[in-house]
Amino acid sequence: MMYKVGTTQQIVKQLHQEGYQISEYALRRWIAEGVIPSVSSGKKRLVVYAHVIEFLTTGSVALEPITASV
């Protein structure tokens, strides 16, 4: 199953299926350091899969500023 957004466990499982050898510990550390953005949902952290791939390929995650319209 392909996740666009998932828990750290789901994202690591998907990474392994695609040939990336990343541990869940490493992903959690990058989230804690703030280099990969995440959102808290209860006791879980949700991560955008594309952000993880971007970090692995470029070393950073470029986020677009959010503009609110009223």
PDB file of N, CA and C in Angstrom:
ATOM      1  N   MET A   1       0.848  -1.190   0.000  1.00  0.00           N
ATOM      2  CA  MET A   1       0.000   0.000   0.000  1.00  0.00           C
ATOM      3  C   MET A   1       0.883   1.240   0.000  1.00  0.00           C
ATOM      4  N   MET A   2       0.537   2.207  -0.803  1.00  0.00           N
ATOM      5  CA  MET A   2       1.302   3.453  -0.907  1.00  0.00           C
ATOM      6  C   MET A   2       0.643   4.527  -0.050  1.00  0.00           C
ATOM      7  N   TYR A   3       1.426   5.117   0.850  1.00  0.00           N
ATOM      8  CA  TYR A   3       0.913   6.174   1.720  1.00  0.00           C
ATOM      9  C   TYR A   3       1.421   7.524   1.240  1.00  0.00           C
ATOM     10  N   LYS A   4       0.526   8.486   1.178  1.00  0.00           N
ATOM     11  CA  LYS A   4       0.957   9.867   0.950  1.00  0.00           C
ATOM     12  C   LYS A   4       1.317  10.486   2.287  1.00  0.00           C
ATOM     13  N   VAL A   5       0.556  10.117   3.318  1.00  0.00           N
ATOM     14  CA  VAL A   5       0.802  10.541   4.695  1.00  0.00           C
ATOM     15  C   VAL A   5       0.660   9.296   5.549  1.00  0.00           C
ATOM     16  N   GLY A   6       1.567   9.125   6.498  1.00  0.00           N
ATOM     17  CA  GLY A   6       1.474   7.940   7.338  1.00  0.00           C
ATOM     18  C   GLY A   6       2.224   8.118   8.637  1.00  0.00           C
ATOM     19  N   THR A   7       2.076   7.112   9.488  1.00  0.00           N
ATOM     20  CA  THR A   7       2.825   7.088  10.739  1.00  0.00           C
ATOM     21  C   THR A   7       4.284   6.768  10.411  1.00  0.00           C
ATOM     22  N   THR A   8       5.150   6.931  11.385  1.00  0.00           N
ATOM     23  CA  THR A   8       6.556   6.629  11.144  1.00  0.00           C
ATOM     24  C   THR A   8       6.726   5.160  10.749  1.00  0.00           C
ATOM     25  N   GLN A   9       5.989   4.264  11.382  1.00  0.00           N
ATOM     26  CA  GLN A   9       6.068   2.838  11.037  1.00  0.00           C
ATOM     27  C   GLN A   9       5.656   2.596   9.592  1.00  0.00           C
ATOM     28  N   GLN A  10       4.554   3.185   9.173  1.00  0.00           N
ATOM     29  CA  GLN A  10       4.066   3.003   7.809  1.00  0.00           C
ATOM     30  C   GLN A  10       5.044   3.560   6.790  1.00  0.00           C
ATOM     31  N   ILE A  11       5.599   4.728   7.083  1.00  0.00           N
ATOM     32  CA  ILE A  11       6.532   5.364   6.143  1.00  0.00           C
ATOM     33  C   ILE A  11       7.811   4.534   6.021  1.00  0.00           C
ATOM     34  N   VAL A  12       8.331   4.035   7.134  1.00  0.00           N
ATOM     35  CA  VAL A  12       9.546   3.214   7.099  1.00  0.00           C
ATOM     36  C   VAL A  12       9.292   1.929   6.319  1.00  0.00           C
ATOM     37  N   LYS A  13       8.146   1.316   6.518  1.00  0.00           N
ATOM     38  CA  LYS A  13       7.808   0.092   5.782  1.00  0.00           C
ATOM     39  C   LYS A  13       7.785   0.370   4.276  1.00  0.00           C
ATOM     40  N   GLN A  14       7.188   1.484   3.895  1.00  0.00           N
ATOM     41  CA  GLN A  14       7.129   1.854   2.478  1.00  0.00           C
ATOM     42  C   GLN A  14       8.526   2.144   1.927  1.00  0.00           C
ATOM     43  N   LEU A  15       9.344   2.834   2.711  1.00  0.00           N
ATOM     44  CA  LEU A  15      10.718   3.108   2.288  1.00  0.00           C
ATOM     45  C   LEU A  15      11.474   1.808   2.031  1.00  0.00           C
ATOM     46  N   HIS A  16      11.312   0.813   2.927  1.00  0.00           N
ATOM     47  CA  HIS A  16      11.983  -0.472   2.764  1.00  0.00           C
ATOM     48  C   HIS A  16      11.516  -1.171   1.493  1.00  0.00           C
ATOM     49  N   GLN A  17      10.222  -1.077   1.193  1.00  0.00           N
ATOM     50  CA  GLN A  17       9.684  -1.689  -0.019  1.00  0.00           C
ATOM     51  C   GLN A  17      10.272  -1.055  -1.277  1.00  0.00           C
ATOM     52  N   GLU A  18      10.670   0.197  -1.173  1.00  0.00           N
ATOM     53  CA  GLU A  18      11.237   0.905  -2.323  1.00  0.00           C
ATOM     54  C   GLU A  18      12.767   0.892  -2.329  1.00  0.00           C
ATOM     55  N   GLY A  19      13.359   0.132  -1.399  1.00  0.00           N
ATOM     56  CA  GLY A  19      14.804  -0.047  -1.414  1.00  0.00           C
ATOM     57  C   GLY A  19      15.607   0.871  -0.520  1.00  0.00           C
ATOM     58  N   TYR A  20      14.962   1.754   0.215  1.00  0.00           N
ATOM     59  CA  TYR A  20      15.671   2.627   1.156  1.00  0.00           C
ATOM     60  C   TYR A  20      15.855   1.883   2.472  1.00  0.00           C
ATOM     61  N   GLN A  21      17.073   1.865   2.977  1.00  0.00           N
ATOM     62  CA  GLN A  21      17.351   1.191   4.246  1.00  0.00           C
ATOM     63  C   GLN A  21      17.439   2.227   5.363  1.00  0.00           C
ATOM     64  N   ILE A  22      16.276   2.697   5.802  1.00  0.00           N
ATOM     65  CA  ILE A  22      16.166   3.720   6.838  1.00  0.00           C
ATOM     66  C   ILE A  22      15.488   3.089   8.042  1.00  0.00           C
ATOM     67  N   SER A  23      16.033   3.313   9.223  1.00  0.00           N
ATOM     68  CA  SER A  23      15.409   2.772  10.429  1.00  0.00           C
ATOM     69  C   SER A  23      14.332   3.723  10.932  1.00  0.00           C
ATOM     70  N   GLU A  24      13.408   3.180  11.693  1.00  0.00           N
ATOM     71  CA  GLU A  24      12.376   4.019  12.294  1.00  0.00           C
ATOM     72  C   GLU A  24      13.012   4.991  13.286  1.00  0.00           C
ATOM     73  N   TYR A  25      14.073   4.544  13.955  1.00  0.00           N
ATOM     74  CA  TYR A  25      14.789   5.419  14.888  1.00  0.00           C
ATOM     75  C   TYR A  25      15.332   6.659  14.156  1.00  0.00           C
ATOM     76  N   ALA A  26      15.933   6.444  12.985  1.00  0.00           N
ATOM     77  CA  ALA A  26      16.489   7.569  12.222  1.00  0.00           C
ATOM     78  C   ALA A  26      15.386   8.536  11.815  1.00  0.00           C
ATOM     79  N   LEU A  27      14.270   8.004  11.324  1.00  0.00           N
ATOM     80  CA  LEU A  27      13.159   8.866  10.924  1.00  0.00           C
ATOM     81  C   LEU A  27      12.634   9.664  12.115  1.00  0.00           C
ATOM     82  N   ARG A  28      12.466   9.005  13.251  1.00  0.00           N
ATOM     83  CA  ARG A  28      11.993   9.708  14.452  1.00  0.00           C
ATOM     84  C   ARG A  28      12.974  10.799  14.889  1.00  0.00           C
ATOM     85  N   ARG A  29      14.270  10.514  14.760  1.00  0.00           N
ATOM     86  CA  ARG A  29      15.288  11.504  15.136  1.00  0.00           C
ATOM     87  C   ARG A  29      15.206  12.728  14.232  1.00  0.00           C
ATOM     88  N   TRP A  30      15.072  12.510  12.920  1.00  0.00           N
ATOM     89  CA  TRP A  30      14.959  13.632  11.979  1.00  0.00           C
ATOM     90  C   TRP A  30      13.711  14.461  12.264  1.00  0.00           C
ATOM     91  N   ILE A  31      12.631  13.787  12.646  1.00  0.00           N
ATOM     92  CA  ILE A  31      11.398  14.500  13.012  1.00  0.00           C
ATOM     93  C   ILE A  31      11.641  15.330  14.272  1.00  0.00           C
ATOM     94  N   ALA A  32      12.262  14.730  15.280  1.00  0.00           N
ATOM     95  CA  ALA A  32      12.539  15.436  16.542  1.00  0.00           C
ATOM     96  C   ALA A  32      13.461  16.630  16.321  1.00  0.00           C
ATOM     97  N   GLU A  33      14.413  16.501  15.395  1.00  0.00           N
ATOM     98  CA  GLU A  33      15.336  17.596  15.086  1.00  0.00           C
ATOM     99  C   GLU A  33      14.677  18.678  14.235  1.00  0.00           C
ATOM    100  N   GLY A  34      13.499  18.380  13.695  1.00  0.00           N
ATOM    101  CA  GLY A  34      12.777  19.367  12.902  1.00  0.00           C
ATOM    102  C   GLY A  34      13.175  19.417  11.435  1.00  0.00           C
ATOM    103  N   VAL A  35      14.004  18.478  10.985  1.00  0.00           N
ATOM    104  CA  VAL A  35      14.409  18.519   9.577  1.00  0.00           C
ATOM    105  C   VAL A  35      13.356  17.919   8.657  1.00  0.00           C
ATOM    106  N   ILE A  36      12.494  17.064   9.207  1.00  0.00           N
ATOM    107  CA  ILE A  36      11.345  16.544   8.471  1.00  0.00           C
ATOM    108  C   ILE A  36      10.100  16.972   9.239  1.00  0.00           C
ATOM    109  N   PRO A  37       9.220  17.734   8.618  1.00  0.00           N
ATOM    110  CA  PRO A  37       8.016  18.198   9.320  1.00  0.00           C
ATOM    111  C   PRO A  37       7.043  17.048   9.572  1.00  0.00           C
ATOM    112  N   SER A  38       6.303  17.159  10.666  1.00  0.00           N
ATOM    113  CA  SER A  38       5.295  16.166  11.003  1.00  0.00           C
ATOM    114  C   SER A  38       4.171  16.841  11.767  1.00  0.00           C
ATOM    115  N   VAL A  39       3.084  16.100  11.925  1.00  0.00           N
ATOM    116  CA  VAL A  39       1.928  16.597  12.660  1.00  0.00           C
ATOM    117  C   VAL A  39       1.563  15.555  13.700  1.00  0.00           C
ATOM    118  N   SER A  40       1.224  16.010  14.872  1.00  0.00           N
ATOM    119  CA  SER A  40       0.825  15.107  15.947  1.00  0.00           C
ATOM    120  C   SER A  40      -0.660  14.775  15.826  1.00  0.00           C
ATOM    121  N   SER A  41      -0.979  13.488  15.955  1.00  0.00           N
ATOM    122  CA  SER A  41      -2.372  13.042  15.959  1.00  0.00           C
ATOM    123  C   SER A  41      -2.515  12.049  17.097  1.00  0.00           C
ATOM    124  N   GLY A  42      -2.957  12.542  18.232  1.00  0.00           N
ATOM    125  CA  GLY A  42      -3.000  11.693  19.417  1.00  0.00           C
ATOM    126  C   GLY A  42      -1.588  11.372  19.851  1.00  0.00           C
ATOM    127  N   LYS A  43      -1.277  10.078  19.949  1.00  0.00           N
ATOM    128  CA  LYS A  43       0.071   9.651  20.333  1.00  0.00           C
ATOM    129  C   LYS A  43       0.958   9.394  19.126  1.00  0.00           C
ATOM    130  N   LYS A  44       0.414   9.570  17.936  1.00  0.00           N
ATOM    131  CA  LYS A  44       1.164   9.274  16.714  1.00  0.00           C
ATOM    132  C   LYS A  44       1.661  10.544  16.044  1.00  0.00           C
ATOM    133  N   ARG A  45       2.741  10.400  15.285  1.00  0.00           N
ATOM    134  CA  ARG A  45       3.254  11.475  14.445  1.00  0.00           C
ATOM    135  C   ARG A  45       2.952  11.094  13.004  1.00  0.00           C
ATOM    136  N   LEU A  46       2.368  12.008  12.258  1.00  0.00           N
ATOM    137  CA  LEU A  46       2.072  11.773  10.848  1.00  0.00           C
ATOM    138  C   LEU A  46       3.070  12.541  10.000  1.00  0.00           C
ATOM    139  N   VAL A  47       3.558  11.871   8.962  1.00  0.00           N
ATOM    140  CA  VAL A  47       4.610  12.412   8.118  1.00  0.00           C
ATOM    141  C   VAL A  47       4.169  12.308   6.657  1.00  0.00           C
ATOM    142  N   VAL A  48       4.505  13.314   5.872  1.00  0.00           N
ATOM    143  CA  VAL A  48       4.237  13.274   4.433  1.00  0.00           C
ATOM    144  C   VAL A  48       5.377  12.499   3.778  1.00  0.00           C
ATOM    145  N   TYR A  49       5.028  11.431   3.061  1.00  0.00           N
ATOM    146  CA  TYR A  49       6.028  10.565   2.429  1.00  0.00           C
ATOM    147  C   TYR A  49       6.937  11.356   1.484  1.00  0.00           C
ATOM    148  N   ALA A  50       6.374  12.250   0.702  1.00  0.00           N
ATOM    149  CA  ALA A  50       7.164  13.044  -0.245  1.00  0.00           C
ATOM    150  C   ALA A  50       8.211  13.894   0.469  1.00  0.00           C
ATOM    151  N   HIS A  51       7.921  14.360   1.681  1.00  0.00           N
ATOM    152  CA  HIS A  51       8.899  15.140   2.447  1.00  0.00           C
ATOM    153  C   HIS A  51      10.089  14.268   2.834  1.00  0.00           C
ATOM    154  N   VAL A  52       9.829  13.018   3.195  1.00  0.00           N
ATOM    155  CA  VAL A  52      10.912  12.102   3.573  1.00  0.00           C
ATOM    156  C   VAL A  52      11.806  11.831   2.357  1.00  0.00           C
ATOM    157  N   ILE A  53      11.189  11.551   1.214  1.00  0.00           N
ATOM    158  CA  ILE A  53      11.961  11.306  -0.011  1.00  0.00           C
ATOM    159  C   ILE A  53      12.770  12.542  -0.389  1.00  0.00           C
ATOM    160  N   GLU A  54      12.167  13.723  -0.265  1.00  0.00           N
ATOM    161  CA  GLU A  54      12.880  14.968  -0.572  1.00  0.00           C
ATOM    162  C   GLU A  54      14.087  15.135   0.342  1.00  0.00           C
ATOM    163  N   PHE A  55      13.915  14.838   1.630  1.00  0.00           N
ATOM    164  CA  PHE A  55      15.028  14.946   2.568  1.00  0.00           C
ATOM    165  C   PHE A  55      16.140  13.950   2.220  1.00  0.00           C
ATOM    166  N   LEU A  56      15.756  12.729   1.870  1.00  0.00           N
ATOM    167  CA  LEU A  56      16.753  11.714   1.546  1.00  0.00           C
ATOM    168  C   LEU A  56      17.516  12.032   0.269  1.00  0.00           C
ATOM    169  N   THR A  57      16.878  12.682  -0.674  1.00  0.00           N
ATOM    170  CA  THR A  57      17.534  12.962  -1.951  1.00  0.00           C
ATOM    171  C   THR A  57      18.257  14.305  -1.982  1.00  0.00           C
ATOM    172  N   THR A  58      17.765  15.301  -1.232  1.00  0.00           N
ATOM    173  CA  THR A  58      18.377  16.636  -1.294  1.00  0.00           C
ATOM    174  C   THR A  58      19.018  17.082   0.016  1.00  0.00           C
ATOM    175  N   GLY A  59      18.665  16.433   1.121  1.00  0.00           N
ATOM    176  CA  GLY A  59      19.215  16.831   2.418  1.00  0.00           C
ATOM    177  C   GLY A  59      18.413  17.882   3.143  1.00  0.00           C
ATOM    178  N   SER A  60      17.299  18.324   2.551  1.00  0.00           N
ATOM    179  CA  SER A  60      16.430  19.299   3.213  1.00  0.00           C
ATOM    180  C   SER A  60      15.024  19.175   2.649  1.00  0.00           C
ATOM    181  N   VAL A  61      14.086  19.825   3.319  1.00  0.00           N
ATOM    182  CA  VAL A  61      12.696  19.840   2.873  1.00  0.00           C
ATOM    183  C   VAL A  61      12.296  21.300   2.718  1.00  0.00           C
ATOM    184  N   ALA A  62      11.938  21.684   1.494  1.00  0.00           N
ATOM    185  CA  ALA A  62      11.509  23.057   1.213  1.00  0.00           C
ATOM    186  C   ALA A  62       9.991  23.101   1.297  1.00  0.00           C
ATOM    187  N   LEU A  63       9.491  23.859   2.255  1.00  0.00           N
ATOM    188  CA  LEU A  63       8.055  23.978   2.423  1.00  0.00           C
ATOM    189  C   LEU A  63       7.585  25.296   1.850  1.00  0.00           C
ATOM    190  N   GLU A  64       6.479  25.253   1.171  1.00  0.00           N
ATOM    191  CA  GLU A  64       5.853  26.463   0.620  1.00  0.00           C
ATOM    192  C   GLU A  64       5.120  27.186   1.737  1.00  0.00           C
ATOM    193  N   PRO A  65       5.231  28.502   1.809  1.00  0.00           N
ATOM    194  CA  PRO A  65       4.466  29.231   2.821  1.00  0.00           C
ATOM    195  C   PRO A  65       2.972  29.107   2.562  1.00  0.00           C
ATOM    196  N   ILE A  66       2.217  28.985   3.631  1.00  0.00           N
ATOM    197  CA  ILE A  66       0.769  28.887   3.527  1.00  0.00           C
ATOM    198  C   ILE A  66       0.176  30.288   3.640  1.00  0.00           C
ATOM    199  N   THR A  67      -0.652  30.651   2.680  1.00  0.00           N
ATOM    200  CA  THR A  67      -1.301  31.963   2.727  1.00  0.00           C
ATOM    201  C   THR A  67      -2.782  31.747   2.963  1.00  0.00           C
ATOM    202  N   ALA A  68      -3.319  32.513   3.838  1.00  0.00           N
ATOM    203  CA  ALA A  68      -4.744  32.420   4.157  1.00  0.00           C
ATOM    204  C   ALA A  68      -5.497  33.512   3.405  1.00  0.00           C
ATOM    205  N   SER A  69      -6.616  33.133   2.855  1.00  0.00           N
ATOM    206  CA  SER A  69      -7.452  34.138   2.189  1.00  0.00           C
ATOM    207  C   SER A  69      -8.737  34.297   2.997  1.00  0.00           C
ATOM    208  N   VAL A  70      -9.152  35.519   3.137  1.00  0.00           N
ATOM    209  CA  VAL A  70     -10.344  35.804   3.940  1.00  0.00           C
ATOM    210  C   VAL A  70     -11.443  36.285   3.050  1.00  0.00           C
TER     211      VAL A  70
END
